[in-house]
Amino acid sequence: MAKRTASAKKQARSGARRAARNRGARSEVKTLIVKARRSLADTQAEASERIQSTVDAVRGLDRAAAKRVLHPKNAARRKSRLARQLAKLAVAAPAPAKGKKAAPAKPSSSPAKKK
């Protein structure tokens, strides 16, 4: 049945405006996720670049979930997948530590007191 009442027509117009706005926000999130995945898959990319692209994607997902463009659990699932990919790379190729070398732990010189 066609929408005939004035309120139904107005609701259809506002729904079309919301759909257009949500489409843009969803598209932006998808673009950020693709960029993050590409940087994670790129073997030549630096660690800082990978981390920054992942952070940008997570920020976009949080923003979309806050605006209810995406369901919050959908955003959480996508963030989890990105974080898991980033963690897998961190474990596979640990970065060399910068700065001082860690000193070995020394045993305590005083014996433990008994009560």
PDB file of N, CA and C in Angstrom:
ATOM      1  N   MET A   1       0.841  -1.169   0.000  1.00  0.00           N
ATOM      2  CA  MET A   1       0.000   0.000   0.000  1.00  0.00           C
ATOM      3  C   MET A   1       0.894   1.243   0.000  1.00  0.00           C
ATOM      4  N   ALA A   2       0.528   2.208  -0.791  1.00  0.00           N
ATOM      5  CA  ALA A   2       1.313   3.435  -0.904  1.00  0.00           C
ATOM      6  C   ALA A   2       1.162   4.282   0.350  1.00  0.00           C
ATOM      7  N   LYS A   3       2.194   5.086   0.633  1.00  0.00           N
ATOM      8  CA  LYS A   3       2.142   5.981   1.782  1.00  0.00           C
ATOM      9  C   LYS A   3       1.316   7.197   1.396  1.00  0.00           C
ATOM     10  N   ARG A   4       0.217   7.415   2.104  1.00  0.00           N
ATOM     11  CA  ARG A   4      -0.705   8.465   1.682  1.00  0.00           C
ATOM     12  C   ARG A   4      -0.791   9.612   2.671  1.00  0.00           C
ATOM     13  N   THR A   5      -0.673   9.329   3.938  1.00  0.00           N
ATOM     14  CA  THR A   5      -0.865  10.397   4.911  1.00  0.00           C
ATOM     15  C   THR A   5       0.340  11.327   4.908  1.00  0.00           C
ATOM     16  N   ALA A   6       0.116  12.546   5.363  1.00  0.00           N
ATOM     17  CA  ALA A   6       1.184  13.540   5.391  1.00  0.00           C
ATOM     18  C   ALA A   6       2.316  13.091   6.316  1.00  0.00           C
ATOM     19  N   SER A   7       1.954  12.505   7.448  1.00  0.00           N
ATOM     20  CA  SER A   7       2.993  12.078   8.392  1.00  0.00           C
ATOM     21  C   SER A   7       3.813  10.924   7.813  1.00  0.00           C
ATOM     22  N   ALA A   8       3.184  10.025   7.052  1.00  0.00           N
ATOM     23  CA  ALA A   8       3.912   8.911   6.436  1.00  0.00           C
ATOM     24  C   ALA A   8       4.862   9.425   5.370  1.00  0.00           C
ATOM     25  N   LYS A   9       4.415  10.437   4.613  1.00  0.00           N
ATOM     26  CA  LYS A   9       5.282  11.018   3.576  1.00  0.00           C
ATOM     27  C   LYS A   9       6.493  11.704   4.211  1.00  0.00           C
ATOM     28  N   LYS A  10       6.232  12.430   5.297  1.00  0.00           N
ATOM     29  CA  LYS A  10       7.323  13.114   5.994  1.00  0.00           C
ATOM     30  C   LYS A  10       8.311  12.096   6.561  1.00  0.00           C
ATOM     31  N   GLN A  11       7.795  11.020   7.115  1.00  0.00           N
ATOM     32  CA  GLN A  11       8.656   9.974   7.670  1.00  0.00           C
ATOM     33  C   GLN A  11       9.507   9.339   6.578  1.00  0.00           C
ATOM     34  N   ALA A  12       8.927   9.159   5.392  1.00  0.00           N
ATOM     35  CA  ALA A  12       9.681   8.588   4.272  1.00  0.00           C
ATOM     36  C   ALA A  12      10.798   9.529   3.847  1.00  0.00           C
ATOM     37  N   ARG A  13      10.513  10.835   3.832  1.00  0.00           N
ATOM     38  CA  ARG A  13      11.551  11.814   3.454  1.00  0.00           C
ATOM     39  C   ARG A  13      12.686  11.811   4.475  1.00  0.00           C
ATOM     40  N   SER A  14      12.335  11.825   5.759  1.00  0.00           N
ATOM     41  CA  SER A  14      13.388  11.851   6.787  1.00  0.00           C
ATOM     42  C   SER A  14      14.161  10.538   6.802  1.00  0.00           C
ATOM     43  N   GLY A  15      13.489   9.447   6.505  1.00  0.00           N
ATOM     44  CA  GLY A  15      14.182   8.165   6.419  1.00  0.00           C
ATOM     45  C   GLY A  15      15.186   8.143   5.287  1.00  0.00           C
ATOM     46  N   ALA A  16      14.843   8.766   4.163  1.00  0.00           N
ATOM     47  CA  ALA A  16      15.763   8.837   3.024  1.00  0.00           C
ATOM     48  C   ALA A  16      16.986   9.686   3.378  1.00  0.00           C
ATOM     49  N   ARG A  17      16.762  10.791   4.119  1.00  0.00           N
ATOM     50  CA  ARG A  17      17.892  11.635   4.543  1.00  0.00           C
ATOM     51  C   ARG A  17      18.810  10.856   5.487  1.00  0.00           C
ATOM     52  N   ARG A  18      18.216  10.143   6.439  1.00  0.00           N
ATOM     53  CA  ARG A  18      19.023   9.350   7.378  1.00  0.00           C
ATOM     54  C   ARG A  18      19.806   8.271   6.649  1.00  0.00           C
ATOM     55  N   ALA A  19      19.162   7.615   5.678  1.00  0.00           N
ATOM     56  CA  ALA A  19      19.827   6.545   4.934  1.00  0.00           C
ATOM     57  C   ALA A  19      21.037   7.081   4.177  1.00  0.00           C
ATOM     58  N   ALA A  20      20.900   8.270   3.592  1.00  0.00           N
ATOM     59  CA  ALA A  20      22.014   8.868   2.853  1.00  0.00           C
ATOM     60  C   ALA A  20      23.169   9.199   3.802  1.00  0.00           C
ATOM     61  N   ARG A  21      22.842   9.752   4.965  1.00  0.00           N
ATOM     62  CA  ARG A  21      23.882  10.101   5.936  1.00  0.00           C
ATOM     63  C   ARG A  21      24.569   8.843   6.466  1.00  0.00           C
ATOM     64  N   ASN A  22      23.776   7.815   6.771  1.00  0.00           N
ATOM     65  CA  ASN A  22      24.343   6.572   7.283  1.00  0.00           C
ATOM     66  C   ASN A  22      25.194   5.872   6.234  1.00  0.00           C
ATOM     67  N   ARG A  23      24.786   5.960   4.961  1.00  0.00           N
ATOM     68  CA  ARG A  23      25.541   5.328   3.894  1.00  0.00           C
ATOM     69  C   ARG A  23      26.952   5.920   3.824  1.00  0.00           C
ATOM     70  N   GLY A  24      27.047   7.238   3.955  1.00  0.00           N
ATOM     71  CA  GLY A  24      28.361   7.886   3.926  1.00  0.00           C
ATOM     72  C   GLY A  24      29.226   7.457   5.101  1.00  0.00           C
ATOM     73  N   ALA A  25      28.630   7.372   6.281  1.00  0.00           N
ATOM     74  CA  ALA A  25      29.393   6.974   7.474  1.00  0.00           C
ATOM     75  C   ALA A  25      29.859   5.526   7.359  1.00  0.00           C
ATOM     76  N   ARG A  26      28.974   4.647   6.857  1.00  0.00           N
ATOM     77  CA  ARG A  26      29.352   3.243   6.683  1.00  0.00           C
ATOM     78  C   ARG A  26      30.459   3.104   5.652  1.00  0.00           C
ATOM     79  N   SER A  27      30.375   3.880   4.582  1.00  0.00           N
ATOM     80  CA  SER A  27      31.388   3.832   3.534  1.00  0.00           C
ATOM     81  C   SER A  27      32.749   4.267   4.084  1.00  0.00           C
ATOM     82  N   GLU A  28      32.748   5.305   4.907  1.00  0.00           N
ATOM     83  CA  GLU A  28      33.996   5.788   5.500  1.00  0.00           C
ATOM     84  C   GLU A  28      34.625   4.713   6.392  1.00  0.00           C
ATOM     85  N   VAL A  29      33.797   4.041   7.187  1.00  0.00           N
ATOM     86  CA  VAL A  29      34.300   2.986   8.068  1.00  0.00           C
ATOM     87  C   VAL A  29      34.896   1.848   7.248  1.00  0.00           C
ATOM     88  N   LYS A  30      34.191   1.460   6.181  1.00  0.00           N
ATOM     89  CA  LYS A  30      34.691   0.373   5.333  1.00  0.00           C
ATOM     90  C   LYS A  30      36.034   0.742   4.716  1.00  0.00           C
ATOM     91  N   THR A  31      36.170   1.993   4.283  1.00  0.00           N
ATOM     92  CA  THR A  31      37.425   2.454   3.695  1.00  0.00           C
ATOM     93  C   THR A  31      38.553   2.380   4.715  1.00  0.00           C
ATOM     94  N   LEU A  32      38.295   2.817   5.946  1.00  0.00           N
ATOM     95  CA  LEU A  32      39.318   2.771   6.990  1.00  0.00           C
ATOM     96  C   LEU A  32      39.725   1.331   7.303  1.00  0.00           C
ATOM     97  N   ILE A  33      38.761   0.419   7.307  1.00  0.00           N
ATOM     98  CA  ILE A  33      39.062  -0.982   7.593  1.00  0.00           C
ATOM     99  C   ILE A  33      39.915  -1.574   6.478  1.00  0.00           C
ATOM    100  N   VAL A  34      39.588  -1.256   5.237  1.00  0.00           N
ATOM    101  CA  VAL A  34      40.364  -1.775   4.100  1.00  0.00           C
ATOM    102  C   VAL A  34      41.794  -1.250   4.166  1.00  0.00           C
ATOM    103  N   LYS A  35      41.953   0.034   4.481  1.00  0.00           N
ATOM    104  CA  LYS A  35      43.304   0.607   4.594  1.00  0.00           C
ATOM    105  C   LYS A  35      44.092  -0.089   5.706  1.00  0.00           C
ATOM    106  N   ALA A  36      43.433  -0.358   6.828  1.00  0.00           N
ATOM    107  CA  ALA A  36      44.108  -1.030   7.940  1.00  0.00           C
ATOM    108  C   ALA A  36      44.515  -2.443   7.541  1.00  0.00           C
ATOM    109  N   ARG A  37      43.631  -3.172   6.884  1.00  0.00           N
ATOM    110  CA  ARG A  37      43.955  -4.545   6.461  1.00  0.00           C
ATOM    111  C   ARG A  37      45.094  -4.560   5.465  1.00  0.00           C
ATOM    112  N   ARG A  38      45.103  -3.584   4.545  1.00  0.00           N
ATOM    113  CA  ARG A  38      46.195  -3.523   3.565  1.00  0.00           C
ATOM    114  C   ARG A  38      47.524  -3.239   4.239  1.00  0.00           C
ATOM    115  N   SER A  39      47.523  -2.343   5.206  1.00  0.00           N
ATOM    116  CA  SER A  39      48.774  -2.040   5.894  1.00  0.00           C
ATOM    117  C   SER A  39      49.237  -3.226   6.734  1.00  0.00           C
ATOM    118  N   LEU A  40      48.291  -3.988   7.284  1.00  0.00           N
ATOM    119  CA  LEU A  40      48.659  -5.172   8.060  1.00  0.00           C
ATOM    120  C   LEU A  40      49.192  -6.275   7.151  1.00  0.00           C
ATOM    121  N   ALA A  41      48.681  -6.345   5.939  1.00  0.00           N
ATOM    122  CA  ALA A  41      49.131  -7.380   5.006  1.00  0.00           C
ATOM    123  C   ALA A  41      50.439  -6.995   4.311  1.00  0.00           C
ATOM    124  N   ASP A  42      50.740  -5.701   4.257  1.00  0.00           N
ATOM    125  CA  ASP A  42      51.943  -5.224   3.569  1.00  0.00           C
ATOM    126  C   ASP A  42      53.179  -5.552   4.401  1.00  0.00           C
ATOM    127  N   THR A  43      54.091  -6.296   3.806  1.00  0.00           N
ATOM    128  CA  THR A  43      55.309  -6.670   4.537  1.00  0.00           C
ATOM    129  C   THR A  43      56.296  -5.518   4.601  1.00  0.00           C
ATOM    130  N   GLN A  44      56.173  -4.551   3.698  1.00  0.00           N
ATOM    131  CA  GLN A  44      57.110  -3.422   3.669  1.00  0.00           C
ATOM    132  C   GLN A  44      56.694  -2.288   4.604  1.00  0.00           C
ATOM    133  N   ALA A  45      55.476  -2.329   5.101  1.00  0.00           N
ATOM    134  CA  ALA A  45      54.969  -1.246   5.948  1.00  0.00           C
ATOM    135  C   ALA A  45      55.669  -1.247   7.306  1.00  0.00           C
ATOM    136  N   GLU A  46      55.872  -0.051   7.838  1.00  0.00           N
ATOM    137  CA  GLU A  46      56.488   0.073   9.158  1.00  0.00           C
ATOM    138  C   GLU A  46      55.459  -0.216  10.242  1.00  0.00           C
ATOM    139  N   ALA A  47      55.961  -0.550  11.416  1.00  0.00           N
ATOM    140  CA  ALA A  47      55.072  -0.883  12.533  1.00  0.00           C
ATOM    141  C   ALA A  47      54.205   0.317  12.917  1.00  0.00           C
ATOM    142  N   SER A  48      54.797   1.504  12.906  1.00  0.00           N
ATOM    143  CA  SER A  48      54.027   2.689  13.288  1.00  0.00           C
ATOM    144  C   SER A  48      52.897   2.954  12.297  1.00  0.00           C
ATOM    145  N   GLU A  49      53.148   2.692  11.021  1.00  0.00           N
ATOM    146  CA  GLU A  49      52.110   2.880  10.011  1.00  0.00           C
ATOM    147  C   GLU A  49      50.975   1.878  10.215  1.00  0.00           C
ATOM    148  N   ARG A  50      51.329   0.643  10.523  1.00  0.00           N
ATOM    149  CA  ARG A  50      50.318  -0.396  10.781  1.00  0.00           C
ATOM    150  C   ARG A  50      49.473  -0.035  11.986  1.00  0.00           C
ATOM    151  N   ILE A  51      50.128   0.394  13.045  1.00  0.00           N
ATOM    152  CA  ILE A  51      49.411   0.734  14.270  1.00  0.00           C
ATOM    153  C   ILE A  51      48.493   1.930  14.035  1.00  0.00           C
ATOM    154  N   GLN A  52      49.004   2.955  13.328  1.00  0.00           N
ATOM    155  CA  GLN A  52      48.203   4.159  13.091  1.00  0.00           C
ATOM    156  C   GLN A  52      46.964   3.860  12.255  1.00  0.00           C
ATOM    157  N   SER A  53      47.124   3.040  11.219  1.00  0.00           N
ATOM    158  CA  SER A  53      45.960   2.727  10.378  1.00  0.00           C
ATOM    159  C   SER A  53      44.932   1.900  11.161  1.00  0.00           C
ATOM    160  N   THR A  54      45.418   1.024  12.029  1.00  0.00           N
ATOM    161  CA  THR A  54      44.500   0.232  12.852  1.00  0.00           C
ATOM    162  C   THR A  54      43.772   1.119  13.854  1.00  0.00           C
ATOM    163  N   VAL A  55      44.486   2.054  14.451  1.00  0.00           N
ATOM    164  CA  VAL A  55      43.872   2.980  15.412  1.00  0.00           C
ATOM    165  C   VAL A  55      42.818   3.840  14.716  1.00  0.00           C
ATOM    166  N   ASP A  56      43.122   4.293  13.496  1.00  0.00           N
ATOM    167  CA  ASP A  56      42.151   5.095  12.745  1.00  0.00           C
ATOM    168  C   ASP A  56      40.884   4.288  12.465  1.00  0.00           C
ATOM    169  N   ALA A  57      41.055   3.020  12.098  1.00  0.00           N
ATOM    170  CA  ALA A  57      39.895   2.171  11.810  1.00  0.00           C
ATOM    171  C   ALA A  57      39.070   1.936  13.073  1.00  0.00           C
ATOM    172  N   VAL A  58      39.737   1.710  14.186  1.00  0.00           N
ATOM    173  CA  VAL A  58      39.026   1.493  15.455  1.00  0.00           C
ATOM    174  C   VAL A  58      38.274   2.760  15.863  1.00  0.00           C
ATOM    175  N   ARG A  59      38.905   3.904  15.660  1.00  0.00           N
ATOM    176  CA  ARG A  59      38.249   5.170  15.989  1.00  0.00           C
ATOM    177  C   ARG A  59      36.996   5.363  15.129  1.00  0.00           C
ATOM    178  N   GLY A  60      37.117   5.055  13.847  1.00  0.00           N
ATOM    179  CA  GLY A  60      35.957   5.165  12.956  1.00  0.00           C
ATOM    180  C   GLY A  60      34.837   4.214  13.347  1.00  0.00           C
ATOM    181  N   LEU A  61      35.207   2.994  13.730  1.00  0.00           N
ATOM    182  CA  LEU A  61      34.201   2.026  14.169  1.00  0.00           C
ATOM    183  C   LEU A  61      33.504   2.502  15.435  1.00  0.00           C
ATOM    184  N   ASP A  62      34.261   3.044  16.364  1.00  0.00           N
ATOM    185  CA  ASP A  62      33.666   3.563  17.605  1.00  0.00           C
ATOM    186  C   ASP A  62      32.694   4.709  17.304  1.00  0.00           C
ATOM    187  N   ARG A  63      33.088   5.586  16.389  1.00  0.00           N
ATOM    188  CA  ARG A  63      32.242   6.717  16.034  1.00  0.00           C
ATOM    189  C   ARG A  63      30.936   6.237  15.399  1.00  0.00           C
ATOM    190  N   ALA A  64      31.046   5.264  14.493  1.00  0.00           N
ATOM    191  CA  ALA A  64      29.849   4.738  13.819  1.00  0.00           C
ATOM    192  C   ALA A  64      28.932   4.023  14.811  1.00  0.00           C
ATOM    193  N   ALA A  65      29.511   3.323  15.766  1.00  0.00           N
ATOM    194  CA  ALA A  65      28.702   2.632  16.768  1.00  0.00           C
ATOM    195  C   ALA A  65      28.016   3.643  17.692  1.00  0.00           C
ATOM    196  N   ALA A  66      28.712   4.728  18.012  1.00  0.00           N
ATOM    197  CA  ALA A  66      28.123   5.749  18.877  1.00  0.00           C
ATOM    198  C   ALA A  66      26.938   6.431  18.189  1.00  0.00           C
ATOM    199  N   LYS A  67      27.038   6.599  16.871  1.00  0.00           N
ATOM    200  CA  LYS A  67      25.948   7.223  16.119  1.00  0.00           C
ATOM    201  C   LYS A  67      24.872   6.215  15.739  1.00  0.00           C
ATOM    202  N   ARG A  68      25.073   4.950  16.106  1.00  0.00           N
ATOM    203  CA  ARG A  68      24.165   3.851  15.801  1.00  0.00           C
ATOM    204  C   ARG A  68      24.050   3.604  14.297  1.00  0.00           C
ATOM    205  N   VAL A  69      25.092   3.984  13.542  1.00  0.00           N
ATOM    206  CA  VAL A  69      25.157   3.646  12.127  1.00  0.00           C
ATOM    207  C   VAL A  69      25.442   2.156  12.006  1.00  0.00           C
ATOM    208  N   LEU A  70      26.321   1.669  12.867  1.00  0.00           N
ATOM    209  CA  LEU A  70      26.605   0.234  12.984  1.00  0.00           C
ATOM    210  C   LEU A  70      26.122  -0.229  14.348  1.00  0.00           C
ATOM    211  N   HIS A  71      25.752  -1.493  14.419  1.00  0.00           N
ATOM    212  CA  HIS A  71      25.391  -2.061  15.713  1.00  0.00           C
ATOM    213  C   HIS A  71      26.663  -2.135  16.556  1.00  0.00           C
ATOM    214  N   PRO A  72      26.585  -1.811  17.838  1.00  0.00           N
ATOM    215  CA  PRO A  72      27.795  -1.821  18.679  1.00  0.00           C
ATOM    216  C   PRO A  72      28.525  -3.159  18.692  1.00  0.00           C
ATOM    217  N   LYS A  73      27.788  -4.261  18.650  1.00  0.00           N
ATOM    218  CA  LYS A  73      28.454  -5.565  18.651  1.00  0.00           C
ATOM    219  C   LYS A  73      29.134  -5.841  17.315  1.00  0.00           C
ATOM    220  N   ASN A  74      28.575  -5.319  16.228  1.00  0.00           N
ATOM    221  CA  ASN A  74      29.209  -5.443  14.921  1.00  0.00           C
ATOM    222  C   ASN A  74      30.540  -4.692  14.926  1.00  0.00           C
ATOM    223  N   ALA A  75      30.532  -3.485  15.478  1.00  0.00           N
ATOM    224  CA  ALA A  75      31.751  -2.694  15.568  1.00  0.00           C
ATOM    225  C   ALA A  75      32.778  -3.398  16.458  1.00  0.00           C
ATOM    226  N   ALA A  76      32.330  -3.966  17.569  1.00  0.00           N
ATOM    227  CA  ALA A  76      33.244  -4.663  18.483  1.00  0.00           C
ATOM    228  C   ALA A  76      33.866  -5.874  17.803  1.00  0.00           C
ATOM    229  N   ARG A  77      33.082  -6.588  17.019  1.00  0.00           N
ATOM    230  CA  ARG A  77      33.608  -7.763  16.318  1.00  0.00           C
ATOM    231  C   ARG A  77      34.677  -7.348  15.305  1.00  0.00           C
ATOM    232  N   ARG A  78      34.426  -6.283  14.574  1.00  0.00           N
ATOM    233  CA  ARG A  78      35.406  -5.818  13.581  1.00  0.00           C
ATOM    234  C   ARG A  78      36.681  -5.322  14.250  1.00  0.00           C
ATOM    235  N   LYS A  79      36.531  -4.609  15.369  1.00  0.00           N
ATOM    236  CA  LYS A  79      37.703  -4.132  16.104  1.00  0.00           C
ATOM    237  C   LYS A  79      38.520  -5.309  16.623  1.00  0.00           C
ATOM    238  N   SER A  80      37.833  -6.326  17.093  1.00  0.00           N
ATOM    239  CA  SER A  80      38.515  -7.509  17.618  1.00  0.00           C
ATOM    240  C   SER A  80      39.322  -8.195  16.522  1.00  0.00           C
ATOM    241  N   ARG A  81      38.754  -8.292  15.344  1.00  0.00           N
ATOM    242  CA  ARG A  81      39.461  -8.933  14.234  1.00  0.00           C
ATOM    243  C   ARG A  81      40.705  -8.150  13.849  1.00  0.00           C
ATOM    244  N   LEU A  82      40.593  -6.817  13.801  1.00  0.00           N
ATOM    245  CA  LEU A  82      41.758  -5.999  13.468  1.00  0.00           C
ATOM    246  C   LEU A  82      42.837  -6.129  14.543  1.00  0.00           C
ATOM    247  N   ALA A  83      42.428  -6.104  15.803  1.00  0.00           N
ATOM    248  CA  ALA A  83      43.384  -6.210  16.897  1.00  0.00           C
ATOM    249  C   ALA A  83      44.082  -7.567  16.879  1.00  0.00           C
ATOM    250  N   ARG A  84      43.333  -8.609  16.535  1.00  0.00           N
ATOM    251  CA  ARG A  84      43.920  -9.944  16.467  1.00  0.00           C
ATOM    252  C   ARG A  84      44.958 -10.029  15.353  1.00  0.00           C
ATOM    253  N   GLN A  85      44.674  -9.413  14.210  1.00  0.00           N
ATOM    254  CA  GLN A  85      45.638  -9.407  13.108  1.00  0.00           C
ATOM    255  C   GLN A  85      46.899  -8.635  13.496  1.00  0.00           C
ATOM    256  N   LEU A  86      46.713  -7.510  14.174  1.00  0.00           N
ATOM    257  CA  LEU A  86      47.851  -6.701  14.601  1.00  0.00           C
ATOM    258  C   LEU A  86      48.692  -7.457  15.627  1.00  0.00           C
ATOM    259  N   ALA A  87      48.051  -8.139  16.554  1.00  0.00           N
ATOM    260  CA  ALA A  87      48.764  -8.899  17.579  1.00  0.00           C
ATOM    261  C   ALA A  87      49.530 -10.066  16.956  1.00  0.00           C
ATOM    262  N   LYS A  88      48.951 -10.680  15.949  1.00  0.00           N
ATOM    263  CA  LYS A  88      49.616 -11.797  15.275  1.00  0.00           C
ATOM    264  C   LYS A  88      50.919 -11.324  14.628  1.00  0.00           C
ATOM    265  N   LEU A  89      50.904 -10.123  14.050  1.00  0.00           N
ATOM    266  CA  LEU A  89      52.111  -9.577  13.441  1.00  0.00           C
ATOM    267  C   LEU A  89      53.146  -9.210  14.503  1.00  0.00           C
ATOM    268  N   ALA A  90      52.678  -8.714  15.638  1.00  0.00           N
ATOM    269  CA  ALA A  90      53.595  -8.327  16.709  1.00  0.00           C
ATOM    270  C   ALA A  90      54.314  -9.551  17.268  1.00  0.00           C
ATOM    271  N   VAL A  91      53.617 -10.677  17.349  1.00  0.00           N
ATOM    272  CA  VAL A  91      54.217 -11.906  17.862  1.00  0.00           C
ATOM    273  C   VAL A  91      55.166 -12.498  16.822  1.00  0.00           C
ATOM    274  N   ALA A  92      54.780 -12.430  15.557  1.00  0.00           N
ATOM    275  CA  ALA A  92      55.574 -13.032  14.490  1.00  0.00           C
ATOM    276  C   ALA A  92      56.923 -12.339  14.324  1.00  0.00           C
ATOM    277  N   ALA A  93      56.936 -11.019  14.413  1.00  0.00           N
ATOM    278  CA  ALA A  93      58.184 -10.282  14.222  1.00  0.00           C
ATOM    279  C   ALA A  93      58.318  -9.228  15.310  1.00  0.00           C
ATOM    280  N   PRO A  94      58.861  -9.591  16.479  1.00  0.00           N
ATOM    281  CA  PRO A  94      58.998  -8.605  17.536  1.00  0.00           C
ATOM    282  C   PRO A  94      60.023  -7.545  17.157  1.00  0.00           C
ATOM    283  N   ALA A  95      59.716  -6.315  17.472  1.00  0.00           N
ATOM    284  CA  ALA A  95      60.609  -5.211  17.155  1.00  0.00           C
ATOM    285  C   ALA A  95      61.782  -5.209  18.116  1.00  0.00           C
ATOM    286  N   PRO A  96      62.984  -4.848  17.640  1.00  0.00           N
ATOM    287  CA  PRO A  96      64.129  -4.774  18.545  1.00  0.00           C
ATOM    288  C   PRO A  96      63.934  -3.645  19.555  1.00  0.00           C
ATOM    289  N   ALA A  97      64.338  -3.895  20.788  1.00  0.00           N
ATOM    290  CA  ALA A  97      64.163  -2.908  21.851  1.00  0.00           C
ATOM    291  C   ALA A  97      65.143  -1.764  21.653  1.00  0.00           C
ATOM    292  N   LYS A  98      64.663  -0.548  21.844  1.00  0.00           N
ATOM    293  CA  LYS A  98      65.518   0.627  21.716  1.00  0.00           C
ATOM    294  C   LYS A  98      65.922   1.067  23.112  1.00  0.00           C
ATOM    295  N   GLY A  99      67.108   1.642  23.226  1.00  0.00           N
ATOM    296  CA  GLY A  99      67.546   2.142  24.525  1.00  0.00           C
ATOM    297  C   GLY A  99      68.467   1.167  25.215  1.00  0.00           C
ATOM    298  N   LYS A 100      68.467   1.248  26.559  1.00  0.00           N
ATOM    299  CA  LYS A 100      69.361   0.409  27.358  1.00  0.00           C
ATOM    300  C   LYS A 100      68.938  -1.052  27.331  1.00  0.00           C
ATOM    301  N   LYS A 101      69.918  -1.882  27.549  1.00  0.00           N
ATOM    302  CA  LYS A 101      69.617  -3.300  27.695  1.00  0.00           C
ATOM    303  C   LYS A 101      69.145  -3.531  29.120  1.00  0.00           C
ATOM    304  N   ALA A 102      68.230  -4.449  29.281  1.00  0.00           N
ATOM    305  CA  ALA A 102      67.700  -4.738  30.611  1.00  0.00           C
ATOM    306  C   ALA A 102      68.737  -5.503  31.421  1.00  0.00           C
ATOM    307  N   ALA A 103      68.940  -5.079  32.671  1.00  0.00           N
ATOM    308  CA  ALA A 103      69.896  -5.753  33.556  1.00  0.00           C
ATOM    309  C   ALA A 103      69.252  -7.021  34.110  1.00  0.00           C
ATOM    310  N   PRO A 104      70.032  -8.093  34.267  1.00  0.00           N
ATOM    311  CA  PRO A 104      69.449  -9.310  34.826  1.00  0.00           C
ATOM    312  C   PRO A 104      69.020  -9.079  36.275  1.00  0.00           C
ATOM    313  N   ALA A 105      67.980  -9.758  36.676  1.00  0.00           N
ATOM    314  CA  ALA A 105      67.456  -9.605  38.029  1.00  0.00           C
ATOM    315  C   ALA A 105      68.439 -10.200  39.036  1.00  0.00           C
ATOM    316  N   LYS A 106      68.705  -9.446  40.104  1.00  0.00           N
ATOM    317  CA  LYS A 106      69.635  -9.918  41.125  1.00  0.00           C
ATOM    318  C   LYS A 106      68.835 -10.490  42.284  1.00  0.00           C
ATOM    319  N   PRO A 107      69.314 -11.576  42.877  1.00  0.00           N
ATOM    320  CA  PRO A 107      68.608 -12.111  44.041  1.00  0.00           C
ATOM    321  C   PRO A 107      68.738 -11.161  45.226  1.00  0.00           C
ATOM    322  N   SER A 108      67.768 -11.222  46.092  1.00  0.00           N
ATOM    323  CA  SER A 108      67.761 -10.363  47.264  1.00  0.00           C
ATOM    324  C   SER A 108      68.933 -10.713  48.173  1.00  0.00           C
ATOM    325  N   SER A 109      69.635  -9.666  48.675  1.00  0.00           N
ATOM    326  CA  SER A 109      70.815  -9.912  49.511  1.00  0.00           C
ATOM    327  C   SER A 109      70.422 -10.267  50.947  1.00  0.00           C
ATOM    328  N   SER A 110      69.269  -9.814  51.417  1.00  0.00           N
ATOM    329  CA  SER A 110      68.878 -10.131  52.782  1.00  0.00           C
ATOM    330  C   SER A 110      67.945 -11.355  52.772  1.00  0.00           C
ATOM    331  N   PRO A 111      68.172 -12.294  53.690  1.00  0.00           N
ATOM    332  CA  PRO A 111      67.323 -13.469  53.738  1.00  0.00           C
ATOM    333  C   PRO A 111      65.919 -13.098  54.239  1.00  0.00           C
ATOM    334  N   ALA A 112      64.964 -13.865  53.825  1.00  0.00           N
ATOM    335  CA  ALA A 112      63.576 -13.612  54.236  1.00  0.00           C
ATOM    336  C   ALA A 112      63.424 -13.917  55.732  1.00  0.00           C
ATOM    337  N   LYS A 113      62.728 -13.062  56.426  1.00  0.00           N
ATOM    338  CA  LYS A 113      62.515 -13.237  57.865  1.00  0.00           C
ATOM    339  C   LYS A 113      61.340 -14.165  58.097  1.00  0.00           C
ATOM    340  N   LYS A 114      61.484 -15.040  59.079  1.00  0.00           N
ATOM    341  CA  LYS A 114      60.403 -15.934  59.450  1.00  0.00           C
ATOM    342  C   LYS A 114      59.747 -15.430  60.715  1.00  0.00           C
ATOM    343  N   LYS A 115      58.481 -15.585  60.816  1.00  0.00           N
ATOM    344  CA  LYS A 115      57.767 -15.154  62.028  1.00  0.00           C
ATOM    345  C   LYS A 115      57.506 -16.310  62.935  1.00  0.00           C
TER     346      LYS A 115
END
